[in-house]
């Protein structure tokens, strides 16, 4: 069932209970988790935090904790599958799901009344027609994947309703709903909670402003930021010598529209200023850090810590990692375009990163591969003379585990502004796996723009 009053039907229910907090490894979930943790600390709620990266880890985490906990809070995981069938919980287990992934599985919403409805239908002669119509409606509903309201925004609204919101919580909510958050920024900036530190190094100030549409330029040179930002790199076609020359000629007068965007920035003390996009890049880089062979849980904790103003050194470290990732993305884009690795396969474009590709290990991670794919499609549309490519989606594949012979595959919608941004690849991959009898593992919560399937490399190579 849907929760209509988030305070009474959710928070007041768990405030005096022990709670298992299962959180997906993405930036929105990190921010939502940070806000909920702050509320738990205020009310002394006992909880256990368990990061999960996929369905297998979610099942394992539930099995390990179902004896100790009755209440489970799932952030950005669990809404788009039949949770009861997947986890098979006891009757007294209670799940609260805050998930941006859509569509929501109807069983999770209507499970309480489903049995009674079916019993009434059984008495009718039209049962067969009803079932056929039901399957048709469910297929149309579940055909496309997309994202709903940010989980971090939902948790911030909960804190606001309880009058426990703060600037730190507001900072957790990166750019999603500019209109809604702008009024919160104005409200907090008029509070006196930081008055005693208003001129100290510990003060914190959030501002809503226009800023340049350049990645990490506050922490980079302007030239490096231009070269490694998707918008400017694709505009100048920097993978070509002509594009690099064009950048040099027009650096003073770039002549690009929409170079400024509406965003939030946060100031810590006198020196540290971060845009919302800076924090997103840094947290994502920490989540998928491959420099050290650390576990996903270790990376999750570091990314979570980077969202605290007391751990700015971790945020700066994340920005360093983000710089390296953006450089790798731009170098890989240049390689793919210059070596004609993007192929037209009829109704879609296709690109496969070979094993010897530099930084290929980085792109075995779903968020990194997703960023590469979106930037690559934008750059390819700019570079090709075939206007039809603007209307074609892109399927991207990269090696995941060479020893096991597996690859990670994802699909993203067309670049054309008029195209439907809802993603149909989730269901398409399922049908393709069934028709080819391929062994697949659907182990990611986001079936649309991130990792959906792991296919055996022998099949990909044979096509």
Protein backbone atom coordinates (compact mmCIF):
# COMPACT_ATOMS: atom_id res chain seq x y z
CA UNK A 1 0.00 0.00 0.00
CA UNK A 2 1.02 3.62 -0.51
CA UNK A 3 1.86 5.80 2.50
CA UNK A 4 -0.20 9.00 2.48
CA UNK A 5 1.10 10.52 5.73
CA UNK A 6 4.84 9.85 5.86
CA UNK A 7 5.17 10.91 9.49
CA UNK A 8 2.26 8.98 11.01
CA UNK A 9 2.31 5.93 8.75
CA UNK A 10 6.09 5.57 8.50
CA UNK A 11 8.25 7.41 11.01
CA UNK A 12 5.96 7.15 14.05
CA UNK A 13 5.67 3.41 13.41
CA UNK A 14 9.43 2.74 13.49
CA UNK A 15 10.63 5.40 15.94
CA UNK A 16 10.50 3.02 18.92
CA UNK A 17 11.64 -0.07 17.01
CA UNK A 18 14.90 -1.64 15.90
CA UNK A 19 15.24 -1.04 12.18
CA UNK A 20 17.28 -2.64 9.40
CA UNK A 21 18.20 0.05 6.87
CA UNK A 22 18.98 -1.46 3.44
CA UNK A 23 20.41 1.15 1.08
CA UNK A 24 21.26 0.94 -2.61
CA UNK A 25 24.70 2.10 -3.76
CA UNK A 26 23.75 5.25 -5.66
CA UNK A 27 24.10 8.95 -4.89
CA UNK A 28 20.40 9.63 -4.35
CA UNK A 29 20.19 6.73 -1.88
CA UNK A 30 23.29 8.03 -0.08
CA UNK A 31 21.69 11.43 0.44
CA UNK A 32 18.38 9.93 1.57
CA UNK A 33 20.24 7.64 3.97
CA UNK A 34 22.21 10.55 5.43
CA UNK A 35 19.02 12.49 6.15
CA UNK A 36 17.26 9.50 7.70
CA UNK A 37 20.33 8.75 9.84
CA UNK A 38 20.20 12.30 11.22
CA UNK A 39 16.55 11.80 12.18
CA UNK A 40 17.34 8.45 13.79
CA UNK A 41 20.13 10.02 15.83
CA UNK A 42 17.80 12.80 17.03
CA UNK A 43 15.23 10.28 18.29
CA UNK A 44 17.72 7.60 19.38
CA UNK A 45 16.32 5.02 16.96
CA UNK A 46 18.32 1.79 16.92
CA UNK A 47 19.20 0.76 13.40
CA UNK A 48 21.64 -1.30 11.38
CA UNK A 49 22.87 0.07 8.05
CA UNK A 50 23.43 -2.49 5.28
CA UNK A 51 24.62 -1.30 1.82
CA UNK A 52 23.36 -3.44 -1.08
CA UNK A 53 24.39 -3.24 -4.73
CA UNK A 54 21.97 -5.72 -6.28
CA UNK A 55 19.17 -8.20 -5.77
CA UNK A 56 21.48 -10.97 -4.61
CA UNK A 57 22.97 -8.78 -1.88
CA UNK A 58 19.48 -7.64 -0.89
CA UNK A 59 18.33 -11.25 -0.48
CA UNK A 60 21.48 -12.13 1.48
CA UNK A 61 21.12 -9.10 3.76
CA UNK A 62 17.49 -9.93 4.48
CA UNK A 63 18.28 -13.56 5.30
CA UNK A 64 21.04 -12.45 7.68
CA UNK A 65 18.85 -9.95 9.54
CA UNK A 66 15.29 -11.29 9.38
CA UNK A 67 15.63 -13.04 12.76
CA UNK A 68 16.81 -9.88 14.55
CA UNK A 69 14.55 -7.31 12.88
CA UNK A 70 10.88 -6.97 12.13
CA UNK A 71 11.03 -3.57 10.42
CA UNK A 72 13.00 -3.05 7.21
CA UNK A 73 13.49 0.28 5.44
CA UNK A 74 14.61 -0.06 1.81
CA UNK A 75 16.01 2.98 0.01
CA UNK A 76 16.14 2.89 -3.81
CA UNK A 77 15.70 -0.87 -3.88
CA UNK A 78 12.70 -3.17 -3.87
CA UNK A 79 9.89 -1.17 -5.47
CA UNK A 80 10.10 -2.50 -9.02
CA UNK A 81 9.96 -6.25 -8.25
CA UNK A 82 7.60 -8.54 -6.34
CA UNK A 83 9.32 -8.22 -2.98
CA UNK A 84 7.29 -10.95 -1.29
CA UNK A 85 8.16 -13.50 -3.95
CA UNK A 86 11.83 -12.49 -3.99
CA UNK A 87 12.48 -12.38 -0.23
CA UNK A 88 9.67 -14.67 1.03
CA UNK A 89 9.48 -12.92 4.42
CA UNK A 90 7.58 -14.02 7.52
CA UNK A 91 4.07 -12.69 8.00
CA UNK A 92 5.12 -10.28 10.76
CA UNK A 93 7.90 -8.62 8.70
CA UNK A 94 7.15 -5.02 7.74
CA UNK A 95 8.78 -3.28 4.76
CA UNK A 96 8.90 0.46 4.10
CA UNK A 97 10.20 1.22 0.61
CA UNK A 98 11.40 4.64 -0.56
CA UNK A 99 12.43 4.09 -4.16
CA UNK A 100 12.84 6.40 -7.14
CA UNK A 101 12.73 3.52 -9.63
CA UNK A 102 9.59 3.10 -11.69
CA UNK A 103 7.31 1.36 -12.45
CA UNK A 104 6.34 0.08 -9.01
CA UNK A 105 5.43 -3.60 -8.94
CA UNK A 106 1.67 -3.75 -8.42
CA UNK A 107 1.94 -6.70 -6.00
CA UNK A 108 3.85 -4.51 -3.55
CA UNK A 109 0.98 -2.00 -3.55
CA UNK A 110 -2.15 -4.14 -3.76
CA UNK A 111 -1.05 -7.32 -2.02
CA UNK A 112 -3.52 -6.88 0.89
CA UNK A 113 -6.58 -6.80 -1.36
CA UNK A 114 -5.42 -8.95 -4.24
CA UNK A 115 -6.80 -12.20 -2.84
CA UNK A 116 -10.28 -10.79 -2.19
CA UNK A 117 -10.46 -9.27 -5.66
CA UNK A 118 -9.49 -12.55 -7.30
CA UNK A 119 -12.09 -14.48 -5.30
CA UNK A 120 -14.83 -12.15 -6.51
CA UNK A 121 -13.64 -12.47 -10.08
CA UNK A 122 -13.68 -16.26 -9.91
CA UNK A 123 -17.44 -16.16 -9.48
CA UNK A 124 -17.85 -14.38 -12.77
CA UNK A 125 -17.97 -15.91 -16.23
CA UNK A 126 -15.75 -13.11 -17.55
CA UNK A 127 -12.75 -14.33 -15.56
CA UNK A 128 -10.78 -15.35 -18.64
CA UNK A 129 -11.40 -12.04 -20.39
CA UNK A 130 -10.51 -10.19 -17.19
CA UNK A 131 -7.20 -12.02 -16.88
CA UNK A 132 -6.32 -11.32 -20.52
CA UNK A 133 -7.11 -7.65 -20.08
CA UNK A 134 -5.14 -7.60 -16.82
CA UNK A 135 -2.06 -9.03 -18.53
CA UNK A 136 -2.34 -6.44 -21.29
CA UNK A 137 -2.61 -3.56 -18.83
CA UNK A 138 0.30 -4.85 -16.73
CA UNK A 139 2.47 -5.23 -19.84
CA UNK A 140 1.78 -1.63 -20.86
CA UNK A 141 2.47 -0.45 -17.30
CA UNK A 142 5.70 -2.40 -16.84
CA UNK A 143 7.06 -1.93 -20.36
CA UNK A 144 9.14 1.17 -19.63
CA UNK A 145 11.52 1.98 -16.79
CA UNK A 146 11.98 5.51 -15.50
CA UNK A 147 12.59 7.48 -12.29
CA UNK A 148 10.08 9.12 -9.99
CA UNK A 149 10.58 11.51 -7.09
CA UNK A 150 14.07 11.51 -5.61
CA UNK A 151 14.32 9.46 -2.40
CA UNK A 152 16.48 12.16 -0.83
CA UNK A 153 13.76 14.73 -1.49
CA UNK A 154 11.18 12.44 0.16
CA UNK A 155 13.36 12.08 3.27
CA UNK A 156 14.00 15.82 3.41
CA UNK A 157 10.25 16.47 3.27
CA UNK A 158 9.88 14.07 6.21
CA UNK A 159 12.48 16.03 8.19
CA UNK A 160 10.76 19.28 7.26
CA UNK A 161 7.35 18.02 8.41
CA UNK A 162 8.94 17.05 11.74
CA UNK A 163 10.67 20.47 12.01
CA UNK A 164 14.04 18.72 12.20
CA UNK A 165 15.47 19.79 8.86
CA UNK A 166 18.78 21.63 8.71
CA UNK A 167 21.19 23.12 6.22
CA UNK A 168 23.20 19.91 6.27
CA UNK A 169 20.11 17.91 5.31
CA UNK A 170 19.26 20.38 2.58
CA UNK A 171 22.77 20.05 1.25
CA UNK A 172 22.23 16.29 0.95
CA UNK A 173 19.54 16.94 -1.63
CA UNK A 174 21.40 17.71 -4.83
CA UNK A 175 19.74 19.29 -7.87
CA UNK A 176 16.45 17.51 -8.57
CA UNK A 177 13.58 19.87 -7.93
CA UNK A 178 14.93 23.40 -8.19
CA UNK A 179 11.60 25.14 -7.54
CA UNK A 180 10.88 23.20 -4.36
CA UNK A 181 14.35 23.43 -2.90
CA UNK A 182 14.84 27.13 -3.59
CA UNK A 183 12.24 28.07 -0.98
CA UNK A 184 13.95 25.77 1.54
CA UNK A 185 17.28 27.49 0.83
CA UNK A 186 15.73 30.91 1.44
CA UNK A 187 14.12 29.70 4.66
CA UNK A 188 17.32 28.23 6.08
CA UNK A 189 19.44 31.21 5.13
CA UNK A 190 17.15 33.38 7.28
CA UNK A 191 17.49 31.14 10.30
CA UNK A 192 19.86 32.12 13.09
CA UNK A 193 21.16 28.63 13.78
CA UNK A 194 24.63 29.50 12.45
CA UNK A 195 24.61 33.10 13.68
CA UNK A 196 27.35 32.55 16.22
CA UNK A 197 29.58 31.09 13.50
CA UNK A 198 28.55 33.52 10.76
CA UNK A 199 32.09 34.82 10.40
CA UNK A 200 33.99 31.71 11.42
CA UNK A 201 35.68 28.97 9.50
CA UNK A 202 32.94 26.57 10.66
CA UNK A 203 30.05 28.47 9.10
CA UNK A 204 27.93 26.93 6.34
CA UNK A 205 25.99 28.83 3.69
CA UNK A 206 23.87 27.49 0.82
CA UNK A 207 23.08 29.68 -2.19
CA UNK A 208 20.91 29.29 -5.28
CA UNK A 209 22.57 30.79 -8.32
CA UNK A 210 23.50 30.51 -11.96
CA UNK A 211 26.82 28.84 -12.63
CA UNK A 212 28.81 27.47 -15.54
CA UNK A 213 27.76 24.15 -17.06
CA UNK A 214 31.26 22.75 -16.60
CA UNK A 215 32.31 19.71 -14.58
CA UNK A 216 34.32 20.42 -11.42
CA UNK A 217 35.61 23.76 -12.71
CA UNK A 218 35.77 25.08 -9.12
CA UNK A 219 38.43 22.45 -8.46
CA UNK A 220 40.10 22.33 -11.89
CA UNK A 221 41.63 24.73 -14.37
CA UNK A 222 39.07 26.22 -16.77
CA UNK A 223 40.78 24.55 -19.74
CA UNK A 224 40.73 21.09 -18.15
CA UNK A 225 37.11 21.50 -17.15
CA UNK A 226 36.11 22.50 -20.69
CA UNK A 227 38.02 19.57 -22.17
CA UNK A 228 36.42 17.01 -19.84
CA UNK A 229 32.83 18.27 -19.65
CA UNK A 230 30.29 16.51 -21.83
CA UNK A 231 28.59 19.70 -23.00
CA UNK A 232 31.71 21.52 -24.17
CA UNK A 233 33.59 18.44 -25.37
CA UNK A 234 30.76 17.38 -27.68
CA UNK A 235 30.19 20.97 -28.85
CA UNK A 236 33.80 21.45 -29.93
CA UNK A 237 34.31 17.80 -31.01
CA UNK A 238 37.51 17.69 -28.98
CA UNK A 239 38.30 14.12 -30.06
CA UNK A 240 39.48 15.61 -33.37
CA UNK A 241 42.43 17.89 -34.15
CA UNK A 242 40.04 20.34 -35.79
CA UNK A 243 37.97 20.46 -32.61
CA UNK A 244 41.00 21.15 -30.44
CA UNK A 245 42.02 23.94 -32.78
CA UNK A 246 38.50 25.33 -32.67
CA UNK A 247 38.62 25.39 -28.87
CA UNK A 248 41.87 27.34 -28.92
CA UNK A 249 40.43 29.85 -31.39
CA UNK A 250 37.15 30.40 -29.59
CA UNK A 251 38.19 29.98 -25.95
CA UNK A 252 37.60 33.65 -25.27
CA UNK A 253 34.30 33.72 -27.13
CA UNK A 254 32.84 30.22 -27.10
CA UNK A 255 29.52 31.21 -28.59
CA UNK A 256 27.57 28.42 -26.89
CA UNK A 257 24.09 28.92 -25.53
CA UNK A 258 22.97 27.50 -22.20
CA UNK A 259 26.50 27.50 -20.79
CA UNK A 260 24.96 28.61 -17.48
CA UNK A 261 22.65 26.43 -15.43
CA UNK A 262 20.60 26.88 -12.27
CA UNK A 263 22.20 25.07 -9.37
CA UNK A 264 22.98 25.15 -5.66
CA UNK A 265 26.33 25.79 -4.07
CA UNK A 266 27.42 25.31 -0.47
CA UNK A 267 30.17 27.26 1.26
CA UNK A 268 32.08 25.78 4.19
CA UNK A 269 34.07 28.47 5.95
CA UNK A 270 36.14 30.82 3.82
CA UNK A 271 37.72 28.51 1.25
CA UNK A 272 35.55 25.52 0.44
CA UNK A 273 32.81 25.98 -2.15
CA UNK A 274 31.08 23.03 -3.79
CA UNK A 275 28.39 22.94 -6.44
CA UNK A 276 25.69 20.30 -6.15
CA UNK A 277 27.12 18.59 -9.25
CA UNK A 278 30.58 18.52 -7.62
CA UNK A 279 29.21 16.47 -4.74
CA UNK A 280 27.40 14.13 -7.12
CA UNK A 281 30.57 13.51 -9.15
CA UNK A 282 32.64 12.98 -5.99
CA UNK A 283 30.20 10.62 -4.27
CA UNK A 284 29.72 8.56 -7.44
CA UNK A 285 33.49 8.27 -7.90
CA UNK A 286 33.92 7.09 -4.30
CA UNK A 287 31.13 4.52 -4.69
CA UNK A 288 32.87 2.94 -7.69
CA UNK A 289 36.50 3.52 -6.71
CA UNK A 290 38.77 0.88 -8.28
CA UNK A 291 42.16 2.25 -7.20
CA UNK A 292 42.19 -0.01 -4.14
CA UNK A 293 40.70 -3.47 -4.02
CA UNK A 294 38.24 -2.50 -1.33
CA UNK A 295 34.80 -3.98 -0.85
CA UNK A 296 31.65 -2.28 -2.02
CA UNK A 297 30.70 -1.73 1.61
CA UNK A 298 33.96 0.15 2.31
CA UNK A 299 33.40 2.37 -0.72
CA UNK A 300 29.80 2.99 0.37
CA UNK A 301 30.86 4.11 3.85
CA UNK A 302 33.51 6.45 2.42
CA UNK A 303 31.00 7.96 0.01
CA UNK A 304 28.49 8.38 2.85
CA UNK A 305 31.13 10.05 5.04
CA UNK A 306 32.02 12.47 2.24
CA UNK A 307 28.56 14.03 2.60
CA UNK A 308 29.41 15.32 6.09
CA UNK A 309 30.99 18.73 6.51
CA UNK A 310 33.33 17.19 9.10
CA UNK A 311 34.85 14.95 6.39
CA UNK A 312 35.75 17.45 3.69
CA UNK A 313 39.04 15.66 3.03
CA UNK A 314 37.06 12.65 1.79
CA UNK A 315 34.98 14.91 -0.44
CA UNK A 316 38.17 16.40 -1.89
CA UNK A 317 39.48 12.86 -2.46
CA UNK A 318 36.26 12.02 -4.28
CA UNK A 319 36.70 15.06 -6.51
CA UNK A 320 40.22 13.88 -7.41
CA UNK A 321 38.79 10.49 -8.37
CA UNK A 322 36.01 12.19 -10.34
CA UNK A 323 38.58 14.17 -12.33
CA UNK A 324 40.38 10.96 -13.27
CA UNK A 325 37.08 9.34 -14.25
CA UNK A 326 36.03 12.25 -16.47
CA UNK A 327 39.42 12.21 -18.19
CA UNK A 328 39.05 8.46 -18.80
CA UNK A 329 35.54 9.00 -20.16
CA UNK A 330 36.69 11.64 -22.65
CA UNK A 331 39.68 9.56 -23.76
CA UNK A 332 37.45 6.52 -24.30
CA UNK A 333 34.93 8.60 -26.26
CA UNK A 334 37.71 9.86 -28.52
CA UNK A 335 38.95 6.31 -29.05
CA UNK A 336 35.48 4.93 -29.85
CA UNK A 337 34.67 7.67 -32.36
CA UNK A 338 38.07 7.78 -34.06
CA UNK A 339 38.20 3.97 -34.46
CA UNK A 340 34.56 3.69 -35.58
CA UNK A 341 33.56 1.39 -32.72
CA UNK A 342 29.97 2.65 -32.75
CA UNK A 343 27.99 0.53 -35.18
CA UNK A 344 24.48 0.98 -36.53
CA UNK A 345 22.50 -2.23 -35.97
CA UNK A 346 19.22 -1.27 -37.62
CA UNK A 347 16.93 0.19 -34.93
CA UNK A 348 19.76 0.97 -32.49
CA UNK A 349 23.44 1.88 -32.17
CA UNK A 350 25.86 -0.58 -30.61
CA UNK A 351 29.30 -0.22 -29.03
CA UNK A 352 31.43 -2.84 -27.29
CA UNK A 353 34.56 -1.95 -25.31
CA UNK A 354 37.26 -4.52 -26.00
CA UNK A 355 39.32 -6.09 -23.21
CA UNK A 356 42.45 -4.09 -24.04
CA UNK A 357 40.70 -0.73 -23.79
CA UNK A 358 42.42 1.59 -21.27
CA UNK A 359 40.49 1.94 -18.01
CA UNK A 360 38.11 -0.82 -19.08
CA UNK A 361 37.95 -1.97 -15.45
CA UNK A 362 36.41 1.37 -14.50
CA UNK A 363 33.62 0.85 -17.02
CA UNK A 364 32.72 -2.52 -15.57
CA UNK A 365 30.90 -0.44 -12.94
CA UNK A 366 27.30 0.47 -13.82
CA UNK A 367 27.32 4.21 -13.00
CA UNK A 368 30.61 4.80 -14.82
CA UNK A 369 29.44 2.87 -17.87
CA UNK A 370 26.16 4.80 -17.81
CA UNK A 371 27.99 8.14 -17.82
CA UNK A 372 30.26 6.97 -20.63
CA UNK A 373 27.27 5.80 -22.69
CA UNK A 374 25.34 9.06 -22.32
CA UNK A 375 28.37 11.19 -23.14
CA UNK A 376 29.34 8.91 -26.03
CA UNK A 377 25.89 9.07 -27.62
CA UNK A 378 25.84 12.86 -27.35
CA UNK A 379 29.31 13.10 -28.89
CA UNK A 380 28.52 10.61 -31.67
CA UNK A 381 25.35 12.49 -32.65
CA UNK A 382 27.46 15.65 -32.90
CA UNK A 383 30.13 13.99 -35.02
CA UNK A 384 28.04 12.01 -37.52
CA UNK A 385 26.35 13.42 -40.61
CA UNK A 386 23.58 10.85 -40.35
CA UNK A 387 20.65 12.76 -38.81
CA UNK A 388 18.81 9.49 -38.19
CA UNK A 389 21.25 8.71 -35.37
CA UNK A 390 19.56 11.34 -33.22
CA UNK A 391 16.53 9.07 -33.12
CA UNK A 392 18.41 5.85 -32.29
CA UNK A 393 19.08 4.45 -28.81
CA UNK A 394 22.50 3.10 -27.84
CA UNK A 395 23.35 -0.34 -26.47
CA UNK A 396 26.69 -0.38 -24.66
CA UNK A 397 28.64 -3.44 -23.52
CA UNK A 398 31.91 -3.78 -21.60
CA UNK A 399 33.84 -6.69 -20.05
CA UNK A 400 32.95 -7.24 -16.42
CA UNK A 401 34.85 -10.32 -15.33
CA UNK A 402 37.39 -11.61 -17.84
CA UNK A 403 37.96 -14.88 -15.98
CA UNK A 404 34.25 -15.68 -15.89
CA UNK A 405 33.77 -14.40 -19.44
CA UNK A 406 30.95 -12.01 -18.56
CA UNK A 407 30.07 -8.56 -19.83
CA UNK A 408 27.85 -5.78 -18.54
CA UNK A 409 25.20 -4.47 -20.94
CA UNK A 410 23.01 -1.37 -20.77
CA UNK A 411 20.76 0.62 -23.06
CA UNK A 412 19.93 4.33 -23.08
CA UNK A 413 17.24 6.28 -24.98
CA UNK A 414 17.91 8.39 -28.08
CA UNK A 415 19.61 11.76 -27.83
CA UNK A 416 16.81 13.64 -29.64
CA UNK A 417 15.08 16.09 -27.31
CA UNK A 418 11.67 15.06 -28.62
CA UNK A 419 12.26 11.39 -27.86
CA UNK A 420 10.54 9.60 -24.99
CA UNK A 421 13.04 9.38 -22.13
CA UNK A 422 11.29 6.37 -20.64
CA UNK A 423 13.56 3.39 -21.11
CA UNK A 424 12.28 0.22 -22.76
CA UNK A 425 15.53 -1.77 -22.65
CA UNK A 426 14.73 -3.58 -19.42
CA UNK A 427 11.94 -5.62 -20.99
CA UNK A 428 13.78 -5.81 -24.31
CA UNK A 429 16.81 -7.42 -22.66
CA UNK A 430 14.55 -9.94 -20.94
CA UNK A 431 12.95 -10.93 -24.24
CA UNK A 432 16.34 -11.13 -25.98
CA UNK A 433 17.70 -13.40 -23.25
CA UNK A 434 14.67 -15.68 -23.52
CA UNK A 435 14.76 -15.89 -27.31
CA UNK A 436 18.51 -16.67 -27.42
CA UNK A 437 18.56 -18.92 -24.33
CA UNK A 438 21.39 -16.81 -22.93
CA UNK A 439 22.46 -17.15 -19.34
CA UNK A 440 21.87 -13.80 -17.68
CA UNK A 441 21.91 -12.27 -14.24
CA UNK A 442 19.61 -9.31 -13.62
CA UNK A 443 21.22 -8.07 -10.42
CA UNK A 444 20.85 -4.31 -10.45
CA UNK A 445 18.00 -2.26 -9.06
CA UNK A 446 17.98 0.09 -12.05
CA UNK A 447 17.09 -2.04 -15.08
CA UNK A 448 16.98 0.88 -17.48
CA UNK A 449 20.02 3.13 -17.57
CA UNK A 450 22.45 1.08 -15.58
CA UNK A 451 23.56 -2.50 -15.38
CA UNK A 452 20.72 -4.76 -16.43
CA UNK A 453 22.20 -8.02 -17.60
CA UNK A 454 25.41 -9.98 -17.52
CA UNK A 455 25.76 -11.93 -20.74
CA UNK A 456 28.41 -14.45 -21.58
CA UNK A 457 31.10 -12.96 -23.77
CA UNK A 458 31.05 -15.82 -26.22
CA UNK A 459 27.50 -14.88 -27.14
CA UNK A 460 28.29 -11.16 -27.48
CA UNK A 461 31.22 -11.91 -29.72
CA UNK A 462 29.18 -14.19 -31.92
CA UNK A 463 26.12 -11.88 -32.03
